[in-house]
């Protein structure tokens, strides 16, 4: 549990959206995440983690506020972004760091 070194073993980069059903900014972000998952289909895997249902997973990633989005490249360290970022900013992070 205290292992801070972890290696992503997916075949393509990933984006993880940490959210909760009661979170209004999360609800605003959801359609954008869905759109991006279609746009980057086959290039980036998108996952959603409900922090209410998965508190241990949220804790393992140090989630303290939602929405939080974890960008996981094939090589290098993951990057976390907090808040409901606009689509253009999310695309820039994906294009610059994951592809």
N, C-alpha and C. Protein backbone atom coordinates (compact mmCIF):
# COMPACT_ATOMS: atom_id res chain seq x y z
N UNK A 1 0.81 -1.20 0.00
CA UNK A 1 0.00 0.00 0.00
C UNK A 1 0.85 1.26 0.00
N UNK A 2 2.02 1.21 0.58
CA UNK A 2 2.86 2.39 0.64
C UNK A 2 3.77 2.51 -0.57
N UNK A 3 3.58 1.66 -1.54
CA UNK A 3 4.42 1.67 -2.73
C UNK A 3 4.04 2.85 -3.62
N UNK A 4 4.91 3.85 -3.68
CA UNK A 4 4.65 5.04 -4.50
C UNK A 4 5.06 4.81 -5.95
N UNK A 5 5.88 3.80 -6.17
CA UNK A 5 6.31 3.47 -7.53
C UNK A 5 5.33 2.47 -8.12
N UNK A 6 4.67 2.85 -9.17
CA UNK A 6 3.80 1.91 -9.85
C UNK A 6 4.00 2.08 -11.34
N UNK A 7 3.77 1.01 -12.04
CA UNK A 7 3.99 1.04 -13.48
C UNK A 7 2.67 0.76 -14.18
N UNK A 8 2.32 1.63 -15.07
CA UNK A 8 1.11 1.44 -15.87
C UNK A 8 1.37 0.33 -16.88
N UNK A 9 0.48 -0.64 -16.94
CA UNK A 9 0.69 -1.79 -17.81
C UNK A 9 -0.34 -1.89 -18.93
N UNK A 10 -1.05 -0.80 -19.18
CA UNK A 10 -2.00 -0.79 -20.29
C UNK A 10 -1.28 -0.75 -21.63
N UNK A 11 -2.02 -1.00 -22.68
CA UNK A 11 -1.43 -1.02 -24.02
C UNK A 11 -1.44 0.34 -24.69
N UNK A 12 -2.32 1.23 -24.24
CA UNK A 12 -2.36 2.61 -24.72
C UNK A 12 -2.53 3.52 -23.51
N UNK A 13 -2.23 4.82 -23.65
CA UNK A 13 -2.37 5.73 -22.51
C UNK A 13 -3.81 5.74 -21.98
N UNK A 14 -3.98 6.29 -20.78
CA UNK A 14 -5.30 6.29 -20.16
C UNK A 14 -5.61 7.62 -19.49
N UNK A 15 -6.91 7.88 -19.37
CA UNK A 15 -7.43 9.02 -18.62
C UNK A 15 -8.44 8.45 -17.64
N UNK A 16 -8.29 8.81 -16.36
CA UNK A 16 -9.23 8.35 -15.34
C UNK A 16 -9.95 9.56 -14.76
N UNK A 17 -11.26 9.55 -14.85
CA UNK A 17 -12.11 10.62 -14.33
C UNK A 17 -12.66 10.17 -12.97
N UNK A 18 -12.23 10.85 -11.90
CA UNK A 18 -12.74 10.58 -10.55
C UNK A 18 -13.90 11.53 -10.30
N UNK A 19 -15.07 10.97 -9.96
CA UNK A 19 -16.28 11.78 -9.84
C UNK A 19 -17.17 11.23 -8.72
N UNK A 20 -18.27 11.94 -8.45
CA UNK A 20 -19.33 11.45 -7.58
C UNK A 20 -20.66 11.90 -8.17
N UNK A 21 -21.70 11.13 -7.93
CA UNK A 21 -23.01 11.43 -8.51
C UNK A 21 -23.58 12.77 -8.03
N UNK A 22 -23.25 13.16 -6.79
CA UNK A 22 -23.78 14.40 -6.22
C UNK A 22 -23.00 15.65 -6.64
N UNK A 23 -21.90 15.46 -7.34
CA UNK A 23 -20.99 16.55 -7.69
C UNK A 23 -21.45 17.26 -8.96
N UNK A 24 -21.89 18.51 -8.83
CA UNK A 24 -22.39 19.26 -9.99
C UNK A 24 -21.32 19.50 -11.05
N UNK A 25 -20.10 19.94 -10.68
CA UNK A 25 -19.06 20.11 -11.71
C UNK A 25 -18.75 18.79 -12.43
N UNK A 26 -18.85 17.66 -11.71
CA UNK A 26 -18.63 16.35 -12.34
C UNK A 26 -19.68 16.09 -13.42
N UNK A 27 -20.93 16.46 -13.11
CA UNK A 27 -22.02 16.27 -14.07
C UNK A 27 -21.81 17.14 -15.30
N UNK A 28 -21.26 18.34 -15.09
CA UNK A 28 -20.99 19.23 -16.22
C UNK A 28 -19.86 18.69 -17.09
N UNK A 29 -18.90 18.01 -16.47
CA UNK A 29 -17.73 17.49 -17.18
C UNK A 29 -18.04 16.19 -17.93
N UNK A 30 -19.00 15.42 -17.45
CA UNK A 30 -19.28 14.08 -17.99
C UNK A 30 -19.48 14.05 -19.50
N UNK A 31 -20.29 14.94 -20.09
CA UNK A 31 -20.47 14.88 -21.56
C UNK A 31 -19.16 15.14 -22.31
N UNK A 32 -18.31 16.00 -21.77
CA UNK A 32 -17.02 16.28 -22.41
C UNK A 32 -16.13 15.04 -22.38
N UNK A 33 -16.09 14.36 -21.23
CA UNK A 33 -15.29 13.13 -21.11
C UNK A 33 -15.82 12.08 -22.08
N UNK A 34 -17.15 11.96 -22.17
CA UNK A 34 -17.74 10.99 -23.10
C UNK A 34 -17.37 11.31 -24.55
N UNK A 35 -17.41 12.59 -24.89
CA UNK A 35 -17.07 13.03 -26.25
C UNK A 35 -15.60 12.71 -26.55
N UNK A 36 -14.72 13.03 -25.60
CA UNK A 36 -13.29 12.78 -25.81
C UNK A 36 -13.00 11.29 -25.92
N UNK A 37 -13.73 10.47 -25.15
CA UNK A 37 -13.49 9.03 -25.20
C UNK A 37 -13.82 8.48 -26.59
N UNK A 38 -14.82 9.07 -27.25
CA UNK A 38 -15.14 8.66 -28.62
C UNK A 38 -14.09 9.20 -29.60
N UNK A 39 -13.70 10.46 -29.39
CA UNK A 39 -12.73 11.11 -30.29
C UNK A 39 -11.37 10.41 -30.27
N UNK A 40 -10.96 9.96 -29.09
CA UNK A 40 -9.65 9.33 -28.94
C UNK A 40 -9.74 7.80 -28.88
N UNK A 41 -10.87 7.25 -29.31
CA UNK A 41 -11.09 5.81 -29.27
C UNK A 41 -9.95 5.09 -30.01
N UNK A 42 -9.37 4.10 -29.34
CA UNK A 42 -8.28 3.35 -29.93
C UNK A 42 -6.91 3.95 -29.67
N UNK A 43 -6.88 5.22 -29.21
CA UNK A 43 -5.62 5.89 -28.92
C UNK A 43 -5.40 6.08 -27.42
N UNK A 44 -6.51 6.33 -26.70
CA UNK A 44 -6.46 6.56 -25.25
C UNK A 44 -7.65 5.85 -24.62
N UNK A 45 -7.41 5.11 -23.54
CA UNK A 45 -8.50 4.49 -22.79
C UNK A 45 -9.02 5.48 -21.77
N UNK A 46 -10.34 5.58 -21.63
CA UNK A 46 -10.97 6.45 -20.64
C UNK A 46 -11.68 5.58 -19.61
N UNK A 47 -11.50 5.92 -18.34
CA UNK A 47 -12.15 5.21 -17.24
C UNK A 47 -12.81 6.23 -16.34
N UNK A 48 -13.91 5.81 -15.70
CA UNK A 48 -14.58 6.65 -14.71
C UNK A 48 -14.57 5.90 -13.39
N UNK A 49 -14.22 6.62 -12.31
CA UNK A 49 -14.20 6.03 -10.98
C UNK A 49 -15.11 6.86 -10.08
N UNK A 50 -16.17 6.23 -9.58
CA UNK A 50 -17.06 6.88 -8.63
C UNK A 50 -16.40 6.83 -7.26
N UNK A 51 -16.03 7.99 -6.73
CA UNK A 51 -15.29 8.04 -5.47
C UNK A 51 -16.12 7.55 -4.29
N UNK A 52 -17.44 7.60 -4.41
CA UNK A 52 -18.31 7.09 -3.34
C UNK A 52 -18.26 5.56 -3.30
N UNK A 53 -18.21 4.94 -4.47
CA UNK A 53 -18.21 3.48 -4.57
C UNK A 53 -16.82 2.88 -4.44
N UNK A 54 -15.79 3.68 -4.72
CA UNK A 54 -14.40 3.19 -4.73
C UNK A 54 -13.49 4.05 -3.85
N UNK A 55 -13.80 4.16 -2.54
CA UNK A 55 -12.99 5.04 -1.69
C UNK A 55 -11.53 4.60 -1.58
N UNK A 56 -11.27 3.30 -1.62
CA UNK A 56 -9.88 2.84 -1.51
C UNK A 56 -9.07 3.21 -2.74
N UNK A 57 -9.69 3.07 -3.90
CA UNK A 57 -9.01 3.44 -5.14
C UNK A 57 -8.76 4.95 -5.18
N UNK A 58 -9.75 5.71 -4.77
CA UNK A 58 -9.59 7.17 -4.72
C UNK A 58 -8.48 7.54 -3.75
N UNK A 59 -8.43 6.87 -2.61
CA UNK A 59 -7.39 7.12 -1.62
C UNK A 59 -6.02 6.76 -2.13
N UNK A 60 -5.93 5.67 -2.88
CA UNK A 60 -4.64 5.24 -3.42
C UNK A 60 -4.05 6.28 -4.37
N UNK A 61 -4.93 7.02 -5.04
CA UNK A 61 -4.47 8.05 -5.97
C UNK A 61 -4.45 9.44 -5.32
N UNK A 62 -4.77 9.50 -4.02
CA UNK A 62 -4.70 10.77 -3.31
C UNK A 62 -5.76 11.78 -3.74
N UNK A 63 -6.93 11.29 -4.14
CA UNK A 63 -7.99 12.19 -4.59
C UNK A 63 -8.55 12.93 -3.38
N UNK A 64 -8.48 14.26 -3.41
CA UNK A 64 -9.00 15.07 -2.32
C UNK A 64 -10.14 15.97 -2.76
N UNK A 65 -10.25 16.21 -4.04
CA UNK A 65 -11.37 17.00 -4.55
C UNK A 65 -11.81 16.38 -5.88
N UNK A 66 -13.06 16.62 -6.21
CA UNK A 66 -13.59 16.10 -7.47
C UNK A 66 -14.28 17.23 -8.22
N UNK A 67 -14.34 17.19 -9.53
CA UNK A 67 -13.71 16.16 -10.34
C UNK A 67 -12.19 16.27 -10.35
N UNK A 68 -11.54 15.13 -10.41
CA UNK A 68 -10.10 15.05 -10.62
C UNK A 68 -9.87 14.11 -11.80
N UNK A 69 -8.94 14.49 -12.65
CA UNK A 69 -8.66 13.68 -13.83
C UNK A 69 -7.19 13.30 -13.82
N UNK A 70 -6.94 12.00 -13.92
CA UNK A 70 -5.58 11.48 -13.94
C UNK A 70 -5.23 11.11 -15.38
N UNK A 71 -4.14 11.68 -15.87
CA UNK A 71 -3.65 11.42 -17.22
C UNK A 71 -2.45 10.49 -17.10
N UNK A 72 -2.54 9.30 -17.69
CA UNK A 72 -1.50 8.29 -17.53
C UNK A 72 -0.84 8.00 -18.88
N UNK A 73 0.40 8.49 -19.05
CA UNK A 73 1.12 8.22 -20.30
C UNK A 73 1.70 6.80 -20.29
N UNK A 74 2.16 6.34 -21.42
CA UNK A 74 2.80 5.02 -21.48
C UNK A 74 4.12 5.04 -20.73
N UNK A 75 4.84 6.15 -20.80
CA UNK A 75 6.12 6.29 -20.10
C UNK A 75 6.04 7.55 -19.25
N UNK A 76 6.76 7.56 -18.15
CA UNK A 76 6.80 8.76 -17.33
C UNK A 76 5.71 8.77 -16.27
N UNK A 77 5.67 9.87 -15.55
CA UNK A 77 4.77 9.99 -14.41
C UNK A 77 3.38 10.45 -14.84
N UNK A 78 2.35 9.92 -14.18
CA UNK A 78 0.99 10.40 -14.43
C UNK A 78 0.86 11.85 -13.96
N UNK A 79 -0.11 12.55 -14.52
CA UNK A 79 -0.40 13.92 -14.12
C UNK A 79 -1.84 14.01 -13.67
N UNK A 80 -2.07 14.77 -12.60
CA UNK A 80 -3.42 14.95 -12.07
C UNK A 80 -3.87 16.38 -12.36
N UNK A 81 -5.12 16.52 -12.77
CA UNK A 81 -5.73 17.83 -12.94
C UNK A 81 -7.02 17.85 -12.14
N UNK A 82 -7.23 18.90 -11.36
CA UNK A 82 -8.43 19.01 -10.54
C UNK A 82 -9.37 20.04 -11.15
N UNK A 83 -10.66 19.78 -11.02
CA UNK A 83 -11.66 20.72 -11.51
C UNK A 83 -12.21 20.33 -12.86
N UNK A 84 -13.32 20.98 -13.21
CA UNK A 84 -13.98 20.72 -14.49
C UNK A 84 -13.30 21.56 -15.57
N UNK A 85 -12.24 21.03 -16.13
CA UNK A 85 -11.48 21.76 -17.14
C UNK A 85 -12.26 21.82 -18.45
N UNK A 86 -12.08 22.90 -19.22
CA UNK A 86 -12.74 22.98 -20.52
C UNK A 86 -12.17 21.96 -21.51
N UNK A 87 -12.98 21.60 -22.49
CA UNK A 87 -12.59 20.58 -23.46
C UNK A 87 -11.26 20.90 -24.13
N UNK A 88 -11.05 22.15 -24.52
CA UNK A 88 -9.82 22.53 -25.23
C UNK A 88 -8.59 22.27 -24.35
N UNK A 89 -8.72 22.51 -23.06
CA UNK A 89 -7.59 22.27 -22.15
C UNK A 89 -7.34 20.78 -21.96
N UNK A 90 -8.40 20.00 -21.85
CA UNK A 90 -8.26 18.55 -21.72
C UNK A 90 -7.59 17.97 -22.97
N UNK A 91 -8.02 18.43 -24.14
CA UNK A 91 -7.42 17.95 -25.40
C UNK A 91 -5.94 18.30 -25.46
N UNK A 92 -5.59 19.50 -25.02
CA UNK A 92 -4.18 19.91 -25.04
C UNK A 92 -3.34 19.00 -24.15
N UNK A 93 -3.85 18.70 -22.95
CA UNK A 93 -3.12 17.81 -22.04
C UNK A 93 -2.95 16.43 -22.67
N UNK A 94 -4.03 15.91 -23.26
CA UNK A 94 -3.97 14.59 -23.90
C UNK A 94 -2.98 14.61 -25.06
N UNK A 95 -3.11 15.60 -25.93
CA UNK A 95 -2.24 15.67 -27.12
C UNK A 95 -0.78 15.87 -26.74
N UNK A 96 -0.52 16.71 -25.74
CA UNK A 96 0.86 17.03 -25.36
C UNK A 96 1.53 15.94 -24.53
N UNK A 97 0.74 15.23 -23.72
CA UNK A 97 1.34 14.32 -22.75
C UNK A 97 1.08 12.83 -23.00
N UNK A 98 0.03 12.51 -23.73
CA UNK A 98 -0.33 11.10 -23.89
C UNK A 98 -0.08 10.55 -25.29
N UNK A 99 -0.07 11.42 -26.29
CA UNK A 99 0.05 10.93 -27.67
C UNK A 99 1.42 11.21 -28.26
